[in-house]
């Protein structure tokens, strides 16, 4: 077996956490790849809430998931999750940074990202996963990365397990994964 890249490992964790019928969140819909993956995982009885602030991202995601009726696309900030999602979730995924092939000046930012993560943790079922893929090699990326790392390192270990998965010998700020699992409190 070879070491998994960050994105396949993220999908593996989501596959293990998400059950058919779950409600899940794609906090950064982007081009719709994660939204589609989640829609397939939850099945017809589940629901995916996909957020993005960019109309181009919502359009691309809508096209990618056009055959799925279990996806709600929200053209708005992931900081507004609690205005759209009230049911428990099995998982949430975020790809921080900018829209691939989009305007690189439009990026995720620490304030809205921390609000979104916090809201997801509140909604998360026991053994659910919040997966955050952090791309920090762009203008503003290191500030968001540092804020997220500070936040997750302070989560109480009696409630959450926090994993960091990354390759440490790569140059140019390769993406890495932070995964948070909600524990059963005894």
Protein backbone atom coordinates (compact mmCIF):
# COMPACT_ATOMS: atom_id res chain seq x y z
CA UNK A 1 0.00 0.00 0.00
CA UNK A 2 1.22 3.51 -0.76
CA UNK A 3 0.51 6.67 1.18
CA UNK A 4 -2.76 8.29 0.17
CA UNK A 5 -2.78 11.85 -1.09
CA UNK A 6 -4.77 14.32 0.98
CA UNK A 7 -7.98 14.38 -1.10
CA UNK A 8 -8.41 10.58 -1.41
CA UNK A 9 -7.74 10.25 2.33
CA UNK A 10 -10.38 12.90 3.01
CA UNK A 11 -12.90 10.94 0.93
CA UNK A 12 -12.02 7.74 2.79
CA UNK A 13 -12.78 9.39 6.13
CA UNK A 14 -16.06 10.77 4.79
CA UNK A 15 -17.05 7.33 3.46
CA UNK A 16 -16.47 5.87 6.92
CA UNK A 17 -18.49 8.56 8.71
CA UNK A 18 -21.45 9.15 6.38
CA UNK A 19 -24.40 6.78 6.28
CA UNK A 20 -27.25 6.61 3.79
CA UNK A 21 -29.96 9.03 4.89
CA UNK A 22 -27.57 11.42 6.65
CA UNK A 23 -27.64 15.17 6.25
CA UNK A 24 -24.22 16.59 5.34
CA UNK A 25 -22.62 19.91 4.47
CA UNK A 26 -20.24 21.00 1.73
CA UNK A 27 -19.08 24.32 3.14
CA UNK A 28 -17.21 25.28 -0.04
CA UNK A 29 -19.10 23.93 -3.06
CA UNK A 30 -16.50 25.14 -5.58
CA UNK A 31 -16.82 23.11 -8.76
CA UNK A 32 -19.14 20.57 -7.13
CA UNK A 33 -16.88 17.54 -6.80
CA UNK A 34 -17.39 17.11 -3.04
CA UNK A 35 -21.08 17.95 -3.33
CA UNK A 36 -21.53 15.16 -5.87
CA UNK A 37 -19.50 12.73 -3.75
CA UNK A 38 -21.61 13.53 -0.69
CA UNK A 39 -24.88 13.26 -2.65
CA UNK A 40 -23.89 9.76 -3.71
CA UNK A 41 -22.96 8.81 -0.13
CA UNK A 42 -26.20 9.98 1.53
CA UNK A 43 -28.48 8.54 -1.14
CA UNK A 44 -32.02 9.58 -1.96
CA UNK A 45 -33.10 9.75 1.68
CA UNK A 46 -30.21 11.99 2.71
CA UNK A 47 -29.55 15.64 2.06
CA UNK A 48 -26.55 17.74 1.07
CA UNK A 49 -26.36 21.44 1.85
CA UNK A 50 -23.74 23.07 -0.39
CA UNK A 51 -22.60 26.63 0.25
CA UNK A 52 -20.58 29.04 -1.89
CA UNK A 53 -20.39 32.82 -2.15
CA UNK A 54 -19.61 32.76 -5.86
CA UNK A 55 -22.34 32.45 -8.47
CA UNK A 56 -19.93 30.62 -10.81
CA UNK A 57 -19.36 27.96 -8.16
CA UNK A 58 -23.08 27.47 -7.58
CA UNK A 59 -23.63 27.22 -11.34
CA UNK A 60 -20.84 24.64 -11.76
CA UNK A 61 -22.11 22.63 -8.80
CA UNK A 62 -25.71 22.77 -10.05
CA UNK A 63 -24.57 21.33 -13.39
CA UNK A 64 -22.52 18.59 -11.72
CA UNK A 65 -25.40 17.44 -9.45
CA UNK A 66 -28.27 18.02 -11.89
CA UNK A 67 -29.39 14.38 -11.60
CA UNK A 68 -29.62 14.53 -7.81
CA UNK A 69 -32.68 15.80 -5.95
CA UNK A 70 -31.12 15.59 -2.49
CA UNK A 71 -28.89 18.67 -2.85
CA UNK A 72 -29.75 22.18 -1.68
CA UNK A 73 -27.44 24.82 -3.13
CA UNK A 74 -27.02 27.96 -1.06
CA UNK A 75 -25.51 31.01 -2.74
CA UNK A 76 -24.13 32.50 0.44
CA UNK A 77 -21.45 32.30 3.08
CA UNK A 78 -20.73 29.11 4.95
CA UNK A 79 -20.85 31.32 8.06
CA UNK A 80 -24.66 31.17 7.61
CA UNK A 81 -24.95 27.39 8.03
CA UNK A 82 -27.12 27.75 11.13
CA UNK A 83 -29.66 29.76 9.09
CA UNK A 84 -30.15 26.84 6.68
CA UNK A 85 -29.35 23.62 8.55
CA UNK A 86 -31.04 22.60 11.79
CA UNK A 87 -30.87 18.80 11.65
CA UNK A 88 -27.91 16.78 12.92
CA UNK A 89 -25.21 16.14 10.32
CA UNK A 90 -23.04 13.12 9.67
CA UNK A 91 -20.23 15.14 8.10
CA UNK A 92 -19.07 18.44 6.71
CA UNK A 93 -16.26 19.16 4.28
CA UNK A 94 -14.37 22.36 3.48
CA UNK A 95 -11.70 23.10 0.89
CA UNK A 96 -10.22 26.39 2.02
CA UNK A 97 -8.59 28.86 -0.34
CA UNK A 98 -9.95 29.99 -3.70
CA UNK A 99 -12.10 28.52 -6.44
CA UNK A 100 -9.90 26.50 -8.80
CA UNK A 101 -9.84 28.26 -12.18
CA UNK A 102 -11.70 31.15 -10.55
CA UNK A 103 -10.82 34.59 -9.26
CA UNK A 104 -7.87 34.05 -6.92
CA UNK A 105 -8.62 37.27 -5.07
CA UNK A 106 -11.85 35.74 -3.70
CA UNK A 107 -10.74 33.47 -0.87
CA UNK A 108 -12.13 31.87 2.24
CA UNK A 109 -11.33 33.89 5.33
CA UNK A 110 -10.67 33.01 8.95
CA UNK A 111 -13.71 34.73 10.47
CA UNK A 112 -16.36 33.08 8.32
CA UNK A 113 -14.51 29.75 8.27
CA UNK A 114 -14.25 29.55 12.06
CA UNK A 115 -17.93 30.44 12.39
CA UNK A 116 -18.82 27.69 9.89
CA UNK A 117 -16.66 25.07 11.59
CA UNK A 118 -18.12 25.96 14.97
CA UNK A 119 -21.68 25.67 13.63
CA UNK A 120 -20.86 22.29 12.05
CA UNK A 121 -19.42 20.98 15.31
CA UNK A 122 -22.65 21.98 17.06
CA UNK A 123 -24.71 20.01 14.51
CA UNK A 124 -22.33 17.03 14.25
CA UNK A 125 -23.56 13.58 15.30
CA UNK A 126 -21.39 11.33 17.44
CA UNK A 127 -18.68 9.78 15.22
CA UNK A 128 -19.41 12.38 12.56
CA UNK A 129 -16.50 14.09 10.79
CA UNK A 130 -15.69 17.66 9.87
CA UNK A 131 -12.98 17.50 7.20
CA UNK A 132 -11.08 20.70 6.43
CA UNK A 133 -8.60 20.68 3.55
CA UNK A 134 -6.36 23.69 4.01
CA UNK A 135 -4.69 25.33 1.04
CA UNK A 136 -2.48 28.11 2.37
CA UNK A 137 -0.02 28.94 -0.43
CA UNK A 138 -1.89 32.05 -1.58
CA UNK A 139 -2.24 35.61 -0.34
CA UNK A 140 -4.17 35.48 2.94
CA UNK A 141 -3.95 31.71 3.19
CA UNK A 142 -1.47 31.56 6.06
CA UNK A 143 -3.66 33.76 8.26
CA UNK A 144 -6.65 31.47 7.77
CA UNK A 145 -4.50 28.36 8.26
CA UNK A 146 -3.09 29.70 11.53
CA UNK A 147 -6.53 30.69 12.83
CA UNK A 148 -8.01 27.27 12.01
CA UNK A 149 -5.09 25.45 13.63
CA UNK A 150 -5.37 27.58 16.76
CA UNK A 151 -9.13 26.92 16.95
CA UNK A 152 -8.95 23.14 16.47
CA UNK A 153 -6.02 22.74 18.85
CA UNK A 154 -8.22 24.23 21.60
CA UNK A 155 -11.14 21.82 21.10
CA UNK A 156 -11.74 19.76 24.25
CA UNK A 157 -10.32 16.27 23.86
CA UNK A 158 -13.18 14.75 25.85
CA UNK A 159 -15.54 15.83 23.05
CA UNK A 160 -13.41 15.71 19.88
CA UNK A 161 -10.50 13.92 18.28
CA UNK A 162 -8.55 16.16 15.91
CA UNK A 163 -6.27 14.70 13.24
CA UNK A 164 -3.77 16.53 11.03
CA UNK A 165 -2.75 14.64 7.88
CA UNK A 166 -0.02 16.11 5.72
CA UNK A 167 3.15 15.43 3.81
CA UNK A 168 5.96 17.31 5.51
CA UNK A 169 8.72 17.10 2.89
CA UNK A 170 6.89 18.90 0.07
CA UNK A 171 7.60 22.46 -0.99
CA UNK A 172 5.24 25.31 -1.84
CA UNK A 173 2.69 24.91 0.97
CA UNK A 174 0.99 21.65 -0.05
CA UNK A 175 -2.59 21.20 1.13
CA UNK A 176 -3.21 19.28 4.31
CA UNK A 177 -6.22 17.84 6.09
CA UNK A 178 -7.58 18.58 9.52
CA UNK A 179 -10.30 16.09 10.49
CA UNK A 180 -12.44 16.47 13.60
CA UNK A 181 -14.47 13.54 14.92
CA UNK A 182 -17.13 14.02 17.58
CA UNK A 183 -16.72 11.54 20.41
CA UNK A 184 -19.36 9.91 22.54
CA UNK A 185 -19.16 11.51 25.96
CA UNK A 186 -19.29 8.90 28.68
